[in-house]
Amino acid sequence: MTTANTTGTAVLAQGARAEATIDLAALRANLAALRARTDGPALMAVVKADAYGHGAVRCAQEAVAAGIGWLGAAMPEEALALRAAGIGPEQARILCWLWTPGGPWQQALCAAVDVSVSARWALDELVAAVRETGVPGRVHLKADTGLGRNGCQPHDWPDLVAAALRAQAEGLIEVVGLWSHFAAADEPGHPSIQAQLDSFETALAYAERAGVRPEVRHLANSPATLLLPASHYDLVRTGLAMYGLSPVPEVGTPADFGLRPVMSLTARLALVKTVPGGHGVSYGHHYTTSGPTTLGLVPVGYADGIPRHASGTGPVLIGGKWRTVAGRVAMDQFVVDLGGDTPVVGEEVLLFGTGEHGEPTAEDWGRACGTISYEIITRIGARVPRRYVGSTSS
C-alpha cells in the first residue's frame, strides 16, 4: 500500500534502491481533460516507447478502461505486445506507423493492427502479406506535409493513392485513415503550421476526389490538441500531454491545461559522509568542495536513464531542500553536496514529480540538461521498477 512522506509524494517501497511511481488516477484525469478540450474528435492514447517510460501495457489498459478507443504505437513489436496482453480489436484499434522492409506484416494483420503506409514499397509488402494470410489490411496513408520525416511527398501522393485504391478494389486492403504530423505545433505562430494545414487539406482533397472514404483523418499531436482546434479533424493523437506534461512549456504549465504529471522518480541515499574542503567529487574532479561539507550518494546513474548531461546541474529534493548533482553522473550513481546537513542513510531523494510539493519536475530536469521533458521520462530504464497506484482495478 502506498504511503506518503512529508512532501505528500509517494513513499519508496521498503528496500527499494529507486522506483518510478506511476499515478494511474492522474492518467485517467489527463485523458478526461484532453477529451473535454477536443469536444468531438476521438482521442488516440499514444503508448509508444513503453508509454513514454510509464509502462505501455498498464497505461493502455487504463486508457481502454477509461473508454479510449484508439492506441498508438511506433514499432510493430509495440503494437503486437498490446494485443498479446489481451487488448483486443473490439476494445481498441491500434495504429502502428514505423515500418521497415521485412517487418512483421503478417503478424500485424492477424492481430488486427492498423498499419501506416508512406511509400509504395510498404504498400507492396503489406499487399503480399495479405495475399499470404488472407486477412485484409486496414491502412492509414500518411502524407508528408512538411515535417520531412516519414510520410509520402506530394509529388508521390497520387501514385500511392491510386495503388492503394487498386488494392482496395481487389478486397485486399481498406484505406481507413489519412494522416500527417506537425513539425512545429509546439511553437505557436510558426509559419510551418499553416503551411502544413494547407498541405494536409490538399492531400485530403486529392485522396477523397480519387475515391478514398476514410474513417478518420488525423493530424493533431499533443501541442496541436491543446492549441490548434483547426487541426483536430476526426482523431487527435495525444502522447506527452496524456502523461501530464506540457508539450508547450513556454505557453503553459501542466496545471494551466488541467493536466497532472503521472510519473514521480524517487531513490534512497546510499551513503552520507563528511569530507574536507578541496575534496574532489566523482570522475574527473569537475566538482571540488569549497569547504568542509557532507556528501550524499544517490544510487542511480546513466544506466538507469539519468542523463550524464545532468552532471553539475540536475536538481533533487532531499529533506525539503533542493540540491544539485555535484560532479559527473556515473553509470550507477551520482553525488550531491548536502552543505553540512546529515540526513540518515536511506532517506528519500525525489528526483522529479508533480512539483506540487516543491520538488523538481521532469521539465526542470529537461531545462537543466538542455533537453526536453519527453527525453527525461522516456529514458528512465528497466533497472528502475515501476510501481502503479490509483488503478481502477486496485
Protein backbone atom coordinates (compact mmCIF):
# COMPACT_ATOMS: atom_id res chain seq x y z
CA MET A 1 0.00 0.00 0.00
CA THR A 2 1.33 3.43 -0.94
CA THR A 3 2.02 5.92 1.82
CA ALA A 4 3.30 9.50 1.67
CA ASN A 5 6.26 11.36 3.09
CA THR A 6 6.38 14.90 4.44
CA THR A 7 6.18 16.35 0.93
CA GLY A 8 2.96 14.45 0.22
CA THR A 9 4.58 12.38 -2.51
CA ALA A 10 4.62 8.60 -2.82
CA VAL A 11 6.98 6.81 -0.44
CA LEU A 12 9.52 4.41 -1.87
CA ALA A 13 8.75 0.74 -1.31
CA GLN A 14 10.65 -0.90 1.53
CA GLY A 15 14.16 -1.88 0.47
CA ALA A 16 13.91 -0.30 -2.98
CA ARG A 17 17.00 1.42 -4.38
CA ALA A 18 14.84 3.56 -6.65
CA GLU A 19 11.48 3.40 -8.33
CA ALA A 20 9.16 5.30 -10.62
CA THR A 21 5.68 5.72 -9.21
CA ILE A 22 3.01 5.83 -11.93
CA ASP A 23 -0.24 7.51 -10.87
CA LEU A 24 -2.94 5.91 -12.99
CA ALA A 25 -5.63 8.13 -11.48
CA ALA A 26 -3.71 11.12 -12.85
CA LEU A 27 -3.51 9.37 -16.22
CA ARG A 28 -7.29 8.93 -16.33
CA ALA A 29 -7.84 12.54 -15.29
CA ASN A 30 -5.49 13.75 -18.03
CA LEU A 31 -7.34 11.73 -20.65
CA ALA A 32 -10.65 13.19 -19.45
CA ALA A 33 -9.22 16.72 -19.59
CA LEU A 34 -7.93 16.17 -23.11
CA ARG A 35 -11.23 14.74 -24.30
CA ALA A 36 -13.02 17.75 -22.88
CA ARG A 37 -10.74 20.08 -24.84
CA THR A 38 -11.41 18.35 -28.17
CA ASP A 39 -15.20 18.08 -27.77
CA GLY A 40 -15.97 15.76 -30.64
CA PRO A 41 -12.97 14.06 -32.26
CA ALA A 42 -11.88 10.69 -30.94
CA LEU A 43 -8.70 10.51 -28.88
CA MET A 44 -5.74 8.22 -29.50
CA ALA A 45 -3.66 7.32 -26.45
CA VAL A 46 -0.09 7.14 -27.75
CA VAL A 47 1.76 4.42 -25.83
CA LYS A 48 4.90 4.12 -27.93
CA ALA A 49 8.30 3.91 -26.22
CA ASP A 50 6.78 1.90 -23.35
CA ALA A 51 4.17 4.64 -22.87
CA TYR A 52 6.90 7.29 -22.66
CA GLY A 53 8.55 5.24 -19.95
CA HIS A 54 5.36 4.72 -17.92
CA GLY A 55 4.65 1.12 -18.95
CA ALA A 56 2.77 0.54 -22.20
CA VAL A 57 0.52 -2.34 -21.20
CA ARG A 58 -0.66 -0.85 -17.90
CA CYS A 59 -1.24 2.59 -19.39
CA ALA A 60 -3.01 1.16 -22.43
CA GLN A 61 -5.25 -0.98 -20.24
CA GLU A 62 -6.11 2.04 -18.13
CA ALA A 63 -6.87 4.12 -21.22
CA VAL A 64 -9.13 1.43 -22.65
CA ALA A 65 -10.92 1.13 -19.30
CA ALA A 66 -11.48 4.88 -19.47
CA GLY A 67 -13.21 4.49 -22.83
CA ILE A 68 -10.36 5.39 -25.19
CA GLY A 69 -10.89 3.53 -28.47
CA TRP A 70 -7.56 4.15 -30.20
CA LEU A 71 -4.00 3.33 -29.19
CA GLY A 72 -0.85 4.47 -30.97
CA ALA A 73 2.42 2.54 -31.27
CA ALA A 74 5.51 3.38 -33.30
CA MET A 75 7.04 -0.08 -33.73
CA PRO A 76 5.06 -3.14 -34.82
CA GLU A 77 6.52 -5.05 -31.87
CA GLU A 78 4.91 -2.49 -29.55
CA ALA A 79 1.52 -2.95 -31.18
CA LEU A 80 1.78 -6.75 -31.10
CA ALA A 81 2.70 -6.67 -27.40
CA LEU A 82 -0.51 -4.79 -26.65
CA ARG A 83 -2.57 -7.40 -28.46
CA ALA A 84 -0.65 -10.19 -26.71
CA ALA A 85 -1.53 -8.56 -23.38
CA GLY A 86 -5.21 -9.09 -24.16
CA ILE A 87 -6.27 -5.74 -25.64
CA GLY A 88 -8.46 -6.97 -28.47
CA PRO A 89 -9.72 -5.12 -31.56
CA GLU A 90 -13.18 -4.96 -30.02
CA GLN A 91 -11.65 -2.84 -27.22
CA ALA A 92 -9.36 -0.56 -29.22
CA ARG A 93 -7.92 -0.02 -32.65
CA ILE A 94 -4.12 0.06 -32.61
CA LEU A 95 -2.21 2.07 -35.19
CA CYS A 96 1.44 1.29 -35.89
CA TRP A 97 3.39 3.70 -38.08
CA LEU A 98 7.13 2.98 -38.17
CA TRP A 99 7.80 0.10 -40.56
CA THR A 100 10.97 -1.14 -42.18
CA PRO A 101 11.34 -3.62 -45.07
CA GLY A 102 10.71 -7.19 -43.99
CA GLY A 103 8.66 -6.14 -40.98
CA PRO A 104 6.10 -8.44 -39.31
CA TRP A 105 3.26 -7.55 -41.67
CA GLN A 106 1.60 -10.97 -41.39
CA GLN A 107 1.57 -10.90 -37.59
CA ALA A 108 0.14 -7.39 -37.61
CA LEU A 109 -2.63 -8.39 -39.98
CA CYS A 110 -3.56 -11.41 -37.90
CA ALA A 111 -3.58 -9.26 -34.77
CA ALA A 112 -5.89 -6.68 -36.39
CA VAL A 113 -3.33 -3.89 -36.17
CA ASP A 114 -3.93 -0.84 -38.36
CA VAL A 115 -0.81 -0.03 -40.38
CA SER A 116 0.52 3.24 -41.72
CA VAL A 117 1.81 3.36 -45.27
CA SER A 118 4.06 6.18 -46.53
CA ALA A 119 5.52 4.66 -49.71
CA ARG A 120 4.87 2.10 -52.42
CA TRP A 121 7.41 -0.38 -51.01
CA ALA A 122 5.39 -0.58 -47.79
CA LEU A 123 2.10 -0.98 -49.62
CA ASP A 124 3.61 -3.72 -51.79
CA GLU A 125 4.92 -5.64 -48.75
CA LEU A 126 1.58 -5.26 -46.98
CA VAL A 127 -0.37 -6.50 -50.02
CA ALA A 128 1.94 -9.51 -50.30
CA ALA A 129 1.28 -10.32 -46.64
CA VAL A 130 -2.47 -10.00 -47.21
CA ARG A 131 -2.29 -12.48 -50.08
CA GLU A 132 -0.37 -14.92 -47.88
CA THR A 133 -2.63 -14.64 -44.83
CA GLY A 134 -5.97 -13.96 -46.44
CA VAL A 135 -6.52 -11.21 -43.86
CA PRO A 136 -7.37 -7.79 -45.38
CA GLY A 137 -5.32 -4.84 -44.13
CA ARG A 138 -6.59 -1.65 -42.53
CA VAL A 139 -4.39 1.14 -43.91
CA HIS A 140 -3.71 4.75 -42.94
CA LEU A 141 -1.99 6.62 -45.78
CA LYS A 142 0.48 9.15 -44.39
CA ALA A 143 1.29 12.37 -46.22
CA ASP A 144 4.47 14.35 -45.65
CA THR A 145 3.00 17.82 -45.28
CA GLY A 146 6.28 19.43 -44.30
CA LEU A 147 7.90 17.54 -41.44
CA GLY A 148 10.31 15.88 -43.86
CA ARG A 149 10.38 12.67 -41.89
CA ASN A 150 8.04 9.73 -42.50
CA GLY A 151 5.18 10.27 -44.95
CA CYS A 152 4.63 10.47 -48.70
CA GLN A 153 5.83 13.55 -50.57
CA PRO A 154 3.18 15.50 -52.54
CA HIS A 155 4.66 14.50 -55.93
CA ASP A 156 4.35 10.79 -54.99
CA TRP A 157 0.91 11.10 -53.34
CA PRO A 158 -1.20 10.48 -56.50
CA ASP A 159 0.67 7.25 -57.25
CA LEU A 160 0.36 5.97 -53.66
CA VAL A 161 -3.34 6.82 -53.50
CA ALA A 162 -4.00 5.12 -56.86
CA ALA A 163 -2.13 1.98 -55.85
CA ALA A 164 -3.97 1.82 -52.54
CA LEU A 165 -7.33 2.18 -54.26
CA ARG A 166 -6.44 -0.62 -56.69
CA ALA A 167 -5.61 -2.89 -53.77
CA GLN A 168 -8.83 -1.85 -52.06
CA ALA A 169 -10.84 -2.66 -55.20
CA GLU A 170 -9.37 -6.18 -55.06
CA GLY A 171 -10.56 -6.52 -51.47
CA LEU A 172 -7.00 -6.70 -50.15
CA ILE A 173 -6.99 -3.56 -48.02
CA GLU A 174 -9.27 -0.84 -46.80
CA VAL A 175 -7.99 2.71 -46.63
CA VAL A 176 -9.40 3.71 -43.25
CA GLY A 177 -7.22 6.71 -42.46
CA LEU A 178 -5.44 9.72 -43.93
CA TRP A 179 -2.92 11.44 -41.73
CA SER A 180 0.19 13.51 -41.19
CA HIS A 181 2.32 15.00 -38.41
CA PHE A 182 3.32 18.54 -37.42
CA ALA A 183 6.87 19.84 -37.35
CA ALA A 184 6.38 22.83 -35.05
CA ALA A 185 2.96 22.73 -33.41
CA ASP A 186 4.76 23.44 -30.14
CA GLU A 187 5.85 26.84 -31.48
CA PRO A 188 2.68 28.96 -31.78
CA GLY A 189 2.79 31.21 -34.82
CA HIS A 190 5.48 29.20 -36.61
CA PRO A 191 4.89 29.61 -40.36
CA SER A 192 5.10 25.87 -40.96
CA ILE A 193 1.87 25.30 -39.02
CA GLN A 194 -0.45 26.96 -41.53
CA ALA A 195 1.62 25.61 -44.41
CA GLN A 196 1.11 22.06 -43.11
CA LEU A 197 -2.60 22.60 -42.53
CA ASP A 198 -2.92 23.77 -46.15
CA SER A 199 -0.83 20.86 -47.43
CA PHE A 200 -2.91 18.37 -45.45
CA GLU A 201 -6.12 19.82 -46.86
CA THR A 202 -4.69 19.43 -50.36
CA ALA A 203 -3.73 15.80 -49.71
CA LEU A 204 -7.16 15.06 -48.23
CA ALA A 205 -8.98 16.68 -51.13
CA TYR A 206 -6.98 14.73 -53.70
CA ALA A 207 -7.48 11.39 -51.97
CA GLU A 208 -11.18 11.96 -51.45
CA ARG A 209 -11.70 13.05 -55.08
CA ALA A 210 -9.93 9.85 -56.12
CA GLY A 211 -12.41 7.80 -54.08
CA VAL A 212 -10.89 7.37 -50.61
CA ARG A 213 -13.54 7.44 -47.89
CA PRO A 214 -11.55 7.37 -44.64
CA GLU A 215 -12.98 6.58 -41.24
CA VAL A 216 -10.55 9.04 -39.66
CA ARG A 217 -8.43 11.98 -40.75
CA HIS A 218 -5.82 12.92 -38.17
CA LEU A 219 -3.06 15.48 -37.84
CA ALA A 220 -3.01 16.80 -34.25
CA ASN A 221 -0.32 15.73 -31.79
CA SER A 222 -0.31 16.86 -28.13
CA PRO A 223 0.57 20.53 -28.73
CA ALA A 224 -1.91 20.80 -31.58
CA THR A 225 -4.58 19.13 -29.44
CA LEU A 226 -4.07 21.87 -26.83
CA LEU A 227 -3.57 24.86 -29.11
CA LEU A 228 -4.89 24.23 -32.66
CA PRO A 229 -8.58 23.28 -32.83
CA ALA A 230 -8.49 23.58 -36.63
CA SER A 231 -6.19 20.55 -36.72
CA HIS A 232 -8.41 18.19 -34.74
CA TYR A 233 -10.34 16.61 -37.62
CA ASP A 234 -11.73 13.16 -36.60
CA LEU A 235 -8.99 11.99 -34.23
CA VAL A 236 -6.25 13.56 -32.11
CA ARG A 237 -3.10 11.74 -31.04
CA THR A 238 -2.04 12.59 -27.51
CA GLY A 239 1.34 11.49 -26.25
CA LEU A 240 3.19 13.71 -23.78
CA ALA A 241 0.05 15.53 -22.61
CA MET A 242 -1.56 12.23 -21.68
CA TYR A 243 1.26 11.72 -19.19
CA GLY A 244 0.62 15.10 -17.62
CA LEU A 245 3.49 17.14 -19.02
CA SER A 246 3.14 20.30 -21.08
CA PRO A 247 4.31 19.97 -24.68
CA VAL A 248 4.37 23.77 -24.82
CA PRO A 249 6.02 24.84 -21.53
CA GLU A 250 6.57 28.36 -22.86
CA VAL A 251 2.80 28.70 -23.25
CA GLY A 252 1.50 26.95 -20.15
CA THR A 253 2.29 24.56 -17.34
CA PRO A 254 0.55 21.20 -16.97
CA ALA A 255 -1.83 22.78 -14.44
CA ASP A 256 -2.71 25.51 -16.94
CA PHE A 257 -4.04 22.79 -19.25
CA GLY A 258 -5.73 20.78 -16.49
CA LEU A 259 -3.01 18.12 -16.51
CA ARG A 260 -1.06 16.40 -13.75
CA PRO A 261 2.30 14.61 -14.16
CA VAL A 262 1.85 10.86 -13.93
CA MET A 263 5.42 9.79 -13.08
CA SER A 264 7.47 10.52 -9.97
CA LEU A 265 11.04 9.26 -9.68
CA THR A 266 12.47 8.53 -6.24
CA ALA A 267 15.66 6.97 -4.87
CA ARG A 268 17.26 6.44 -1.45
CA LEU A 269 20.51 7.85 -0.13
CA ALA A 270 23.04 5.02 -0.12
CA LEU A 271 25.73 6.87 1.84
CA VAL A 272 26.21 10.11 3.77
CA LYS A 273 29.72 11.18 4.75
CA THR A 274 31.74 14.16 5.89
CA VAL A 275 34.60 15.38 3.70
CA PRO A 276 37.10 18.25 3.99
CA GLY A 277 37.34 21.30 1.78
CA GLY A 278 39.12 20.81 -1.52
CA HIS A 279 37.85 17.26 -1.89
CA GLY A 280 37.24 16.14 -5.48
CA VAL A 281 33.88 14.53 -6.29
CA SER A 282 33.24 11.88 -8.95
CA TYR A 283 35.11 11.25 -12.19
CA GLY A 284 37.46 13.94 -13.37
CA HIS A 285 37.01 16.05 -10.23
CA HIS A 286 34.83 18.53 -12.11
CA TYR A 287 33.42 19.44 -8.71
CA THR A 288 35.59 20.20 -5.67
CA THR A 289 34.14 21.01 -2.26
CA SER A 290 34.60 24.65 -1.25
CA GLY A 291 34.94 23.75 2.42
CA PRO A 292 34.14 21.01 4.92
CA THR A 293 30.76 19.55 3.98
CA THR A 294 28.69 16.40 3.74
CA LEU A 295 28.11 14.40 0.60
CA GLY A 296 25.16 12.16 -0.21
CA LEU A 297 25.35 9.24 -2.63
CA VAL A 298 22.28 8.66 -4.82
CA PRO A 299 22.34 5.12 -6.30
CA VAL A 300 21.05 5.85 -9.81
CA GLY A 301 23.04 6.83 -12.87
CA TYR A 302 23.04 6.93 -16.62
CA ALA A 303 22.42 3.17 -16.82
CA ASP A 304 19.08 3.96 -15.15
CA GLY A 305 18.37 6.80 -17.57
CA ILE A 306 19.74 9.73 -15.56
CA PRO A 307 21.30 11.96 -18.22
CA ARG A 308 25.06 12.38 -17.99
CA HIS A 309 24.30 15.94 -19.12
CA ALA A 310 22.80 16.40 -15.62
CA SER A 311 26.34 16.46 -14.24
CA GLY A 312 26.60 19.60 -12.12
CA THR A 313 23.05 20.69 -12.95
CA GLY A 314 20.40 18.04 -12.16
CA PRO A 315 18.07 19.05 -9.30
CA VAL A 316 16.82 16.79 -6.50
CA LEU A 317 14.84 17.31 -3.30
CA ILE A 318 16.30 15.90 -0.08
CA GLY A 319 14.86 16.73 3.31
CA GLY A 320 12.76 19.53 1.86
CA LYS A 321 15.75 21.25 0.22
CA TRP A 322 16.74 21.45 -3.43
CA ARG A 323 20.19 20.06 -4.11
CA THR A 324 22.15 19.81 -7.34
CA VAL A 325 24.19 16.93 -8.74
CA ALA A 326 27.82 17.53 -7.71
CA GLY A 327 30.30 16.42 -10.34
CA ARG A 328 29.70 13.86 -13.01
CA VAL A 329 26.79 11.45 -13.17
CA ALA A 330 28.28 7.95 -13.28
CA MET A 331 26.80 4.75 -14.64
CA ASP A 332 25.11 3.69 -11.40
CA GLN A 333 25.27 6.70 -9.07
CA PHE A 334 25.75 10.41 -8.53
CA VAL A 335 26.67 12.63 -5.60
CA VAL A 336 25.03 15.71 -4.09
CA ASP A 337 26.67 18.23 -1.78
CA LEU A 338 24.48 18.36 1.32
CA GLY A 339 26.14 21.50 2.66
CA GLY A 340 26.76 20.06 6.11
CA ASP A 341 23.29 18.57 6.58
CA THR A 342 23.30 14.96 7.77
CA PRO A 343 20.20 13.13 6.59
CA VAL A 344 20.08 9.48 7.51
CA VAL A 345 21.17 6.83 5.06
CA GLY A 346 18.04 5.59 3.34
CA GLU A 347 16.33 8.99 3.28
CA GLU A 348 14.35 9.60 0.14
CA VAL A 349 15.70 11.59 -2.77
CA LEU A 350 12.95 12.91 -5.02
CA LEU A 351 14.38 13.48 -8.46
CA PHE A 352 11.18 14.68 -10.07
CA GLY A 353 7.44 14.62 -9.51
CA THR A 354 4.39 16.84 -9.90
CA GLY A 355 6.11 19.91 -8.46
CA GLU A 356 3.16 20.49 -6.14
CA HIS A 357 5.25 20.00 -3.01
CA GLY A 358 8.35 21.90 -4.04
CA GLU A 359 10.11 19.05 -5.79
CA PRO A 360 11.71 19.35 -9.25
CA THR A 361 9.68 18.30 -12.28
CA ALA A 362 10.67 16.49 -15.45
CA GLU A 363 10.55 19.90 -17.11
CA ASP A 364 13.09 21.20 -14.57
CA TRP A 365 15.34 18.27 -15.43
CA GLY A 366 14.93 18.96 -19.13
CA ARG A 367 16.00 22.55 -18.71
CA ALA A 368 18.93 21.54 -16.50
CA CYS A 369 20.15 19.12 -19.15
CA GLY A 370 19.48 21.25 -22.20
CA THR A 371 16.80 18.90 -23.48
CA ILE A 372 13.04 18.35 -23.24
CA SER A 373 10.83 16.60 -20.72
CA TYR A 374 9.98 13.94 -23.33
CA GLU A 375 13.56 12.66 -23.17
CA ILE A 376 13.74 12.74 -19.38
CA ILE A 377 10.77 10.44 -18.83
CA THR A 378 11.28 8.09 -21.77
CA ARG A 379 14.90 7.33 -20.87
CA ILE A 380 14.18 6.01 -17.35
CA GLY A 381 15.39 2.45 -17.83
CA ALA A 382 14.26 -1.04 -16.99
CA ARG A 383 16.52 -1.19 -13.91
CA VAL A 384 14.10 1.23 -12.26
CA PRO A 385 10.96 -0.67 -11.24
CA ARG A 386 7.56 0.91 -11.88
CA ARG A 387 5.01 0.97 -9.10
CA TYR A 388 1.42 1.64 -10.13
CA VAL A 389 -1.01 3.47 -7.88
CA GLY A 390 -4.55 4.73 -8.40
CA SER A 391 -5.71 1.97 -10.73
CA THR A 392 -9.43 1.39 -11.11
CA SER A 393 -8.74 -2.33 -10.59
CA SER A 394 -6.66 -1.93 -7.40
